[in-house]
Amino acid sequence: MDDTELLRRELRAAREELIRKRSRCSGGPDESTSRLPLMPDREEAFLRLALMSVEELEAHVDRLERDLADLEQGIDAPDE
């Protein structure tokens, strides 16, 4: 699997997790804490996303979107 496909899969998983967290946050203030709920529809490679807060997920989604755009435009990581 190439980097672009991996980023797309992680971005999709992060967006889905963000939706789950936001829907639970509307239930009360304690619902916004990070937990690892046992749900079979989560992709095992991205279970760490369930441990992130809503704010962390929003920042992660933004970062993934920028990385994906850079890859699609042919911009790689800067040379060290």
PDB file of N, CA and C in Angstrom:
ATOM      1  N   MET A   1       0.846  -1.172   0.000  1.00  0.00           N
ATOM      2  CA  MET A   1       0.000   0.000   0.000  1.00  0.00           C
ATOM      3  C   MET A   1       0.896   1.241   0.000  1.00  0.00           C
ATOM      4  N   ASP A   2       0.557   2.211  -0.815  1.00  0.00           N
ATOM      5  CA  ASP A   2       1.383   3.405  -0.893  1.00  0.00           C
ATOM      6  C   ASP A   2       1.001   4.416   0.191  1.00  0.00           C
ATOM      7  N   ASP A   3       1.832   5.450   0.319  1.00  0.00           N
ATOM      8  CA  ASP A   3       1.629   6.456   1.365  1.00  0.00           C
ATOM      9  C   ASP A   3       0.300   7.195   1.217  1.00  0.00           C
ATOM     10  N   THR A   4      -0.081   7.484  -0.013  1.00  0.00           N
ATOM     11  CA  THR A   4      -1.329   8.212  -0.244  1.00  0.00           C
ATOM     12  C   THR A   4      -2.524   7.404   0.250  1.00  0.00           C
ATOM     13  N   GLU A   5      -2.558   6.129  -0.069  1.00  0.00           N
ATOM     14  CA  GLU A   5      -3.672   5.285   0.368  1.00  0.00           C
ATOM     15  C   GLU A   5      -3.688   5.147   1.893  1.00  0.00           C
ATOM     16  N   LEU A   6      -2.536   5.013   2.490  1.00  0.00           N
ATOM     17  CA  LEU A   6      -2.454   4.917   3.949  1.00  0.00           C
ATOM     18  C   LEU A   6      -2.964   6.196   4.610  1.00  0.00           C
ATOM     19  N   LEU A   7      -2.576   7.336   4.072  1.00  0.00           N
ATOM     20  CA  LEU A   7      -3.066   8.610   4.615  1.00  0.00           C
ATOM     21  C   LEU A   7      -4.578   8.735   4.457  1.00  0.00           C
ATOM     22  N   ARG A   8      -5.096   8.317   3.320  1.00  0.00           N
ATOM     23  CA  ARG A   8      -6.555   8.361   3.106  1.00  0.00           C
ATOM     24  C   ARG A   8      -7.295   7.490   4.113  1.00  0.00           C
ATOM     25  N   ARG A   9      -6.764   6.297   4.343  1.00  0.00           N
ATOM     26  CA  ARG A   9      -7.414   5.391   5.306  1.00  0.00           C
ATOM     27  C   ARG A   9      -7.368   5.971   6.721  1.00  0.00           C
ATOM     28  N   GLU A  10      -6.220   6.536   7.102  1.00  0.00           N
ATOM     29  CA  GLU A  10      -6.119   7.115   8.444  1.00  0.00           C
ATOM     30  C   GLU A  10      -7.010   8.348   8.568  1.00  0.00           C
ATOM     31  N   LEU A  11      -7.062   9.160   7.530  1.00  0.00           N
ATOM     32  CA  LEU A  11      -7.925  10.342   7.544  1.00  0.00           C
ATOM     33  C   LEU A  11      -9.385   9.935   7.696  1.00  0.00           C
ATOM     34  N   ARG A  12      -9.808   8.923   6.962  1.00  0.00           N
ATOM     35  CA  ARG A  12     -11.185   8.427   7.069  1.00  0.00           C
ATOM     36  C   ARG A  12     -11.462   7.938   8.492  1.00  0.00           C
ATOM     37  N   ALA A  13     -10.540   7.174   9.056  1.00  0.00           N
ATOM     38  CA  ALA A  13     -10.717   6.650  10.421  1.00  0.00           C
ATOM     39  C   ALA A  13     -10.750   7.789  11.437  1.00  0.00           C
ATOM     40  N   ALA A  14      -9.918   8.799  11.257  1.00  0.00           N
ATOM     41  CA  ALA A  14      -9.890   9.932  12.181  1.00  0.00           C
ATOM     42  C   ALA A  14     -11.189  10.729  12.106  1.00  0.00           C
ATOM     43  N   ARG A  15     -11.699  10.925  10.904  1.00  0.00           N
ATOM     44  CA  ARG A  15     -12.972  11.641  10.757  1.00  0.00           C
ATOM     45  C   ARG A  15     -14.116  10.858  11.400  1.00  0.00           C
ATOM     46  N   GLU A  16     -14.130   9.544  11.209  1.00  0.00           N
ATOM     47  CA  GLU A  16     -15.172   8.723  11.822  1.00  0.00           C
ATOM     48  C   GLU A  16     -15.092   8.777  13.342  1.00  0.00           C
ATOM     49  N   GLU A  17     -13.882   8.725  13.874  1.00  0.00           N
ATOM     50  CA  GLU A  17     -13.704   8.802  15.329  1.00  0.00           C
ATOM     51  C   GLU A  17     -14.136  10.171  15.851  1.00  0.00           C
ATOM     52  N   LEU A  18     -13.831  11.219  15.107  1.00  0.00           N
ATOM     53  CA  LEU A  18     -14.231  12.567  15.501  1.00  0.00           C
ATOM     54  C   LEU A  18     -15.752  12.676  15.555  1.00  0.00           C
ATOM     55  N   ILE A  19     -16.430  12.088  14.589  1.00  0.00           N
ATOM     56  CA  ILE A  19     -17.901  12.088  14.591  1.00  0.00           C
ATOM     57  C   ILE A  19     -18.430  11.347  15.815  1.00  0.00           C
ATOM     58  N   ARG A  20     -17.830  10.196  16.132  1.00  0.00           N
ATOM     59  CA  ARG A  20     -18.251   9.434  17.326  1.00  0.00           C
ATOM     60  C   ARG A  20     -18.078  10.277  18.590  1.00  0.00           C
ATOM     61  N   LYS A  21     -16.914  10.906  18.703  1.00  0.00           N
ATOM     62  CA  LYS A  21     -16.628  11.691  19.906  1.00  0.00           C
ATOM     63  C   LYS A  21     -17.582  12.879  20.014  1.00  0.00           C
ATOM     64  N   ARG A  22     -17.817  13.562  18.914  1.00  0.00           N
ATOM     65  CA  ARG A  22     -18.703  14.728  18.957  1.00  0.00           C
ATOM     66  C   ARG A  22     -20.115  14.325  19.337  1.00  0.00           C
ATOM     67  N   SER A  23     -20.578  13.190  18.838  1.00  0.00           N
ATOM     68  CA  SER A  23     -21.935  12.757  19.172  1.00  0.00           C
ATOM     69  C   SER A  23     -22.031  12.372  20.642  1.00  0.00           C
ATOM     70  N   ARG A  24     -20.956  11.810  21.211  1.00  0.00           N
ATOM     71  CA  ARG A  24     -20.955  11.475  22.636  1.00  0.00           C
ATOM     72  C   ARG A  24     -20.789  12.713  23.494  1.00  0.00           C
ATOM     73  N   CYS A  25     -20.094  13.736  22.987  1.00  0.00           N
ATOM     74  CA  CYS A  25     -19.870  14.959  23.754  1.00  0.00           C
ATOM     75  C   CYS A  25     -21.171  15.696  24.028  1.00  0.00           C
ATOM     76  N   SER A  26     -22.132  15.540  23.165  1.00  0.00           N
ATOM     77  CA  SER A  26     -23.400  16.231  23.363  1.00  0.00           C
ATOM     78  C   SER A  26     -24.176  15.655  24.546  1.00  0.00           C
ATOM     79  N   GLY A  27     -23.743  14.500  25.054  1.00  0.00           N
ATOM     80  CA  GLY A  27     -24.422  13.858  26.173  1.00  0.00           C
ATOM     81  C   GLY A  27     -24.089  14.468  27.524  1.00  0.00           C
ATOM     82  N   GLY A  28     -22.930  15.078  27.684  1.00  0.00           N
ATOM     83  CA  GLY A  28     -22.544  15.660  28.958  1.00  0.00           C
ATOM     84  C   GLY A  28     -21.058  15.941  28.986  1.00  0.00           C
ATOM     85  N   PRO A  29     -20.610  16.694  29.983  1.00  0.00           N
ATOM     86  CA  PRO A  29     -19.196  17.093  30.030  1.00  0.00           C
ATOM     87  C   PRO A  29     -18.230  15.934  30.231  1.00  0.00           C
ATOM     88  N   ASP A  30     -18.625  14.880  30.912  1.00  0.00           N
ATOM     89  CA  ASP A  30     -17.731  13.756  31.155  1.00  0.00           C
ATOM     90  C   ASP A  30     -17.547  12.879  29.928  1.00  0.00           C
ATOM     91  N   GLU A  31     -18.405  13.028  28.949  1.00  0.00           N
ATOM     92  CA  GLU A  31     -18.337  12.197  27.750  1.00  0.00           C
ATOM     93  C   GLU A  31     -17.185  12.595  26.825  1.00  0.00           C
ATOM     94  N   SER A  32     -16.578  13.764  27.045  1.00  0.00           N
ATOM     95  CA  SER A  32     -15.523  14.223  26.146  1.00  0.00           C
ATOM     96  C   SER A  32     -14.166  13.639  26.492  1.00  0.00           C
ATOM     97  N   THR A  33     -14.061  12.897  27.581  1.00  0.00           N
ATOM     98  CA  THR A  33     -12.778  12.305  27.940  1.00  0.00           C
ATOM     99  C   THR A  33     -12.430  11.178  26.995  1.00  0.00           C
ATOM    100  N   SER A  34     -11.144  10.945  26.841  1.00  0.00           N
ATOM    101  CA  SER A  34     -10.695   9.912  25.916  1.00  0.00           C
ATOM    102  C   SER A  34     -10.799   8.542  26.562  1.00  0.00           C
ATOM    103  N   ARG A  35     -11.354   7.593  25.829  1.00  0.00           N
ATOM    104  CA  ARG A  35     -11.461   6.207  26.260  1.00  0.00           C
ATOM    105  C   ARG A  35     -11.302   5.322  25.040  1.00  0.00           C
ATOM    106  N   LEU A  36     -11.080   4.068  25.296  1.00  0.00           N
ATOM    107  CA  LEU A  36     -10.975   3.107  24.210  1.00  0.00           C
ATOM    108  C   LEU A  36     -12.196   2.206  24.247  1.00  0.00           C
ATOM    109  N   PRO A  37     -13.294   2.640  23.620  1.00  0.00           N
ATOM    110  CA  PRO A  37     -14.483   1.795  23.605  1.00  0.00           C
ATOM    111  C   PRO A  37     -14.270   0.589  22.701  1.00  0.00           C
ATOM    112  N   LEU A  38     -14.860  -0.502  23.070  1.00  0.00           N
ATOM    113  CA  LEU A  38     -14.719  -1.719  22.277  1.00  0.00           C
ATOM    114  C   LEU A  38     -15.794  -1.737  21.203  1.00  0.00           C
ATOM    115  N   MET A  39     -15.383  -1.398  20.002  1.00  0.00           N
ATOM    116  CA  MET A  39     -16.318  -1.375  18.883  1.00  0.00           C
ATOM    117  C   MET A  39     -15.681  -2.108  17.718  1.00  0.00           C
ATOM    118  N   PRO A  40     -16.346  -3.102  17.193  1.00  0.00           N
ATOM    119  CA  PRO A  40     -15.753  -3.920  16.132  1.00  0.00           C
ATOM    120  C   PRO A  40     -15.564  -3.197  14.802  1.00  0.00           C
ATOM    121  N   ASP A  41     -16.224  -2.050  14.594  1.00  0.00           N
ATOM    122  CA  ASP A  41     -16.111  -1.378  13.304  1.00  0.00           C
ATOM    123  C   ASP A  41     -14.867  -0.508  13.182  1.00  0.00           C
ATOM    124  N   ARG A  42     -14.074  -0.433  14.223  1.00  0.00           N
ATOM    125  CA  ARG A  42     -12.835   0.335  14.152  1.00  0.00           C
ATOM    126  C   ARG A  42     -11.749  -0.475  13.463  1.00  0.00           C
ATOM    127  N   GLU A  43     -10.982   0.196  12.638  1.00  0.00           N
ATOM    128  CA  GLU A  43      -9.866  -0.456  11.970  1.00  0.00           C
ATOM    129  C   GLU A  43      -8.730  -0.601  12.984  1.00  0.00           C
ATOM    130  N   GLU A  44      -8.271  -1.806  13.155  1.00  0.00           N
ATOM    131  CA  GLU A  44      -7.290  -2.106  14.193  1.00  0.00           C
ATOM    132  C   GLU A  44      -6.033  -1.244  14.109  1.00  0.00           C
ATOM    133  N   ALA A  45      -5.600  -0.927  12.913  1.00  0.00           N
ATOM    134  CA  ALA A  45      -4.382  -0.126  12.738  1.00  0.00           C
ATOM    135  C   ALA A  45      -4.525   1.276  13.312  1.00  0.00           C
ATOM    136  N   PHE A  46      -5.763   1.738  13.489  1.00  0.00           N
ATOM    137  CA  PHE A  46      -5.985   3.106  13.941  1.00  0.00           C
ATOM    138  C   PHE A  46      -6.711   3.187  15.277  1.00  0.00           C
ATOM    139  N   LEU A  47      -6.613   2.151  16.092  1.00  0.00           N
ATOM    140  CA  LEU A  47      -7.271   2.161  17.397  1.00  0.00           C
ATOM    141  C   LEU A  47      -6.776   3.303  18.293  1.00  0.00           C
ATOM    142  N   ARG A  48      -5.550   3.746  18.061  1.00  0.00           N
ATOM    143  CA  ARG A  48      -4.998   4.837  18.876  1.00  0.00           C
ATOM    144  C   ARG A  48      -5.817   6.119  18.741  1.00  0.00           C
ATOM    145  N   LEU A  49      -6.562   6.252  17.654  1.00  0.00           N
ATOM    146  CA  LEU A  49      -7.397   7.439  17.464  1.00  0.00           C
ATOM    147  C   LEU A  49      -8.483   7.536  18.534  1.00  0.00           C
ATOM    148  N   ALA A  50      -8.942   6.394  19.033  1.00  0.00           N
ATOM    149  CA  ALA A  50      -9.983   6.382  20.069  1.00  0.00           C
ATOM    150  C   ALA A  50      -9.478   6.978  21.377  1.00  0.00           C
ATOM    151  N   LEU A  51      -8.170   7.040  21.545  1.00  0.00           N
ATOM    152  CA  LEU A  51      -7.594   7.592  22.766  1.00  0.00           C
ATOM    153  C   LEU A  51      -7.418   9.107  22.703  1.00  0.00           C
ATOM    154  N   MET A  52      -7.630   9.687  21.532  1.00  0.00           N
ATOM    155  CA  MET A  52      -7.459  11.132  21.362  1.00  0.00           C
ATOM    156  C   MET A  52      -8.717  11.880  21.764  1.00  0.00           C
ATOM    157  N   SER A  53      -8.522  13.101  22.235  1.00  0.00           N
ATOM    158  CA  SER A  53      -9.667  13.958  22.548  1.00  0.00           C
ATOM    159  C   SER A  53     -10.194  14.568  21.252  1.00  0.00           C
ATOM    160  N   VAL A  54     -11.320  15.242  21.349  1.00  0.00           N
ATOM    161  CA  VAL A  54     -11.910  15.892  20.179  1.00  0.00           C
ATOM    162  C   VAL A  54     -10.926  16.909  19.606  1.00  0.00           C
ATOM    163  N   GLU A  55     -10.303  17.700  20.472  1.00  0.00           N
ATOM    164  CA  GLU A  55      -9.357  18.720  20.016  1.00  0.00           C
ATOM    165  C   GLU A  55      -8.147  18.085  19.335  1.00  0.00           C
ATOM    166  N   GLU A  56      -7.643  17.003  19.900  1.00  0.00           N
ATOM    167  CA  GLU A  56      -6.514  16.299  19.290  1.00  0.00           C
ATOM    168  C   GLU A  56      -6.896  15.710  17.934  1.00  0.00           C
ATOM    169  N   LEU A  57      -8.099  15.161  17.850  1.00  0.00           N
ATOM    170  CA  LEU A  57      -8.568  14.597  16.581  1.00  0.00           C
ATOM    171  C   LEU A  57      -8.730  15.685  15.521  1.00  0.00           C
ATOM    172  N   GLU A  58      -9.269  16.833  15.904  1.00  0.00           N
ATOM    173  CA  GLU A  58      -9.422  17.927  14.945  1.00  0.00           C
ATOM    174  C   GLU A  58      -8.064  18.353  14.397  1.00  0.00           C
ATOM    175  N   ALA A  59      -7.078  18.483  15.274  1.00  0.00           N
ATOM    176  CA  ALA A  59      -5.727  18.863  14.843  1.00  0.00           C
ATOM    177  C   ALA A  59      -5.120  17.771  13.960  1.00  0.00           C
ATOM    178  N   HIS A  60      -5.353  16.507  14.320  1.00  0.00           N
ATOM    179  CA  HIS A  60      -4.811  15.388  13.555  1.00  0.00           C
ATOM    180  C   HIS A  60      -5.434  15.329  12.159  1.00  0.00           C
ATOM    181  N   VAL A  61      -6.736  15.556  12.065  1.00  0.00           N
ATOM    182  CA  VAL A  61      -7.422  15.569  10.770  1.00  0.00           C
ATOM    183  C   VAL A  61      -6.844  16.682   9.898  1.00  0.00           C
ATOM    184  N   ASP A  62      -6.655  17.869  10.475  1.00  0.00           N
ATOM    185  CA  ASP A  62      -6.066  18.981   9.714  1.00  0.00           C
ATOM    186  C   ASP A  62      -4.685  18.618   9.184  1.00  0.00           C
ATOM    187  N   ARG A  63      -3.883  18.011  10.037  1.00  0.00           N
ATOM    188  CA  ARG A  63      -2.523  17.614   9.656  1.00  0.00           C
ATOM    189  C   ARG A  63      -2.545  16.566   8.546  1.00  0.00           C
ATOM    190  N   LEU A  64      -3.435  15.583   8.678  1.00  0.00           N
ATOM    191  CA  LEU A  64      -3.552  14.544   7.645  1.00  0.00           C
ATOM    192  C   LEU A  64      -4.012  15.127   6.315  1.00  0.00           C
ATOM    193  N   GLU A  65      -4.951  16.060   6.365  1.00  0.00           N
ATOM    194  CA  GLU A  65      -5.428  16.689   5.132  1.00  0.00           C
ATOM    195  C   GLU A  65      -4.302  17.443   4.433  1.00  0.00           C
ATOM    196  N   ARG A  66      -3.473  18.161   5.203  1.00  0.00           N
ATOM    197  CA  ARG A  66      -2.332  18.875   4.615  1.00  0.00           C
ATOM    198  C   ARG A  66      -1.317  17.903   4.039  1.00  0.00           C
ATOM    199  N   ASP A  67      -1.021  16.833   4.787  1.00  0.00           N
ATOM    200  CA  ASP A  67      -0.062  15.835   4.306  1.00  0.00           C
ATOM    201  C   ASP A  67      -0.544  15.175   3.013  1.00  0.00           C
ATOM    202  N   LEU A  68      -1.826  14.841   2.967  1.00  0.00           N
ATOM    203  CA  LEU A  68      -2.388  14.208   1.783  1.00  0.00           C
ATOM    204  C   LEU A  68      -2.337  15.164   0.587  1.00  0.00           C
ATOM    205  N   ALA A  69      -2.682  16.416   0.808  1.00  0.00           N
ATOM    206  CA  ALA A  69      -2.623  17.409  -0.273  1.00  0.00           C
ATOM    207  C   ALA A  69      -1.194  17.560  -0.784  1.00  0.00           C
ATOM    208  N   ASP A  70      -0.232  17.590   0.134  1.00  0.00           N
ATOM    209  CA  ASP A  70       1.173  17.689  -0.268  1.00  0.00           C
ATOM    210  C   ASP A  70       1.597  16.490  -1.106  1.00  0.00           C
ATOM    211  N   LEU A  71       1.214  15.297  -0.666  1.00  0.00           N
ATOM    212  CA  LEU A  71       1.569  14.088  -1.412  1.00  0.00           C
ATOM    213  C   LEU A  71       0.951  14.088  -2.809  1.00  0.00           C
ATOM    214  N   GLU A  72      -0.307  14.488  -2.890  1.00  0.00           N
ATOM    215  CA  GLU A  72      -0.990  14.491  -4.176  1.00  0.00           C
ATOM    216  C   GLU A  72      -0.410  15.537  -5.128  1.00  0.00           C
ATOM    217  N   GLN A  73       0.185  16.594  -4.571  1.00  0.00           N
ATOM    218  CA  GLN A  73       0.814  17.626  -5.398  1.00  0.00           C
ATOM    219  C   GLN A  73       2.277  17.321  -5.660  1.00  0.00           C
ATOM    220  N   GLY A  74       2.740  16.203  -5.141  1.00  0.00           N
ATOM    221  CA  GLY A  74       4.113  15.805  -5.399  1.00  0.00           C
ATOM    222  C   GLY A  74       5.134  16.415  -4.464  1.00  0.00           C
ATOM    223  N   ILE A  75       4.675  16.960  -3.366  1.00  0.00           N
ATOM    224  CA  ILE A  75       5.600  17.550  -2.399  1.00  0.00           C
ATOM    225  C   ILE A  75       5.914  16.505  -1.335  1.00  0.00           C
ATOM    226  N   ASP A  76       7.155  16.105  -1.253  1.00  0.00           N
ATOM    227  CA  ASP A  76       7.582  15.139  -0.239  1.00  0.00           C
ATOM    228  C   ASP A  76       8.105  15.888   0.976  1.00  0.00           C
ATOM    229  N   ALA A  77       8.482  15.127   1.982  1.00  0.00           N
ATOM    230  CA  ALA A  77       9.079  15.718   3.184  1.00  0.00           C
ATOM    231  C   ALA A  77      10.354  16.442   2.786  1.00  0.00           C
ATOM    232  N   PRO A  78      10.643  17.566   3.434  1.00  0.00           N
ATOM    233  CA  PRO A  78      11.863  18.297   3.096  1.00  0.00           C
ATOM    234  C   PRO A  78      13.109  17.461   3.338  1.00  0.00           C
ATOM    235  N   ASP A  79      14.102  17.686   2.498  1.00  0.00           N
ATOM    236  CA  ASP A  79      15.374  16.976   2.673  1.00  0.00           C
ATOM    237  C   ASP A  79      16.039  17.429   3.957  1.00  0.00           C
ATOM    238  N   GLU A  80      16.676  16.473   4.614  1.00  0.00           N
ATOM    239  CA  GLU A  80      17.337  16.804   5.880  1.00  0.00           C
ATOM    240  C   GLU A  80      18.797  17.086   5.647  1.00  0.00           C
TER     241      GLU A  80
END
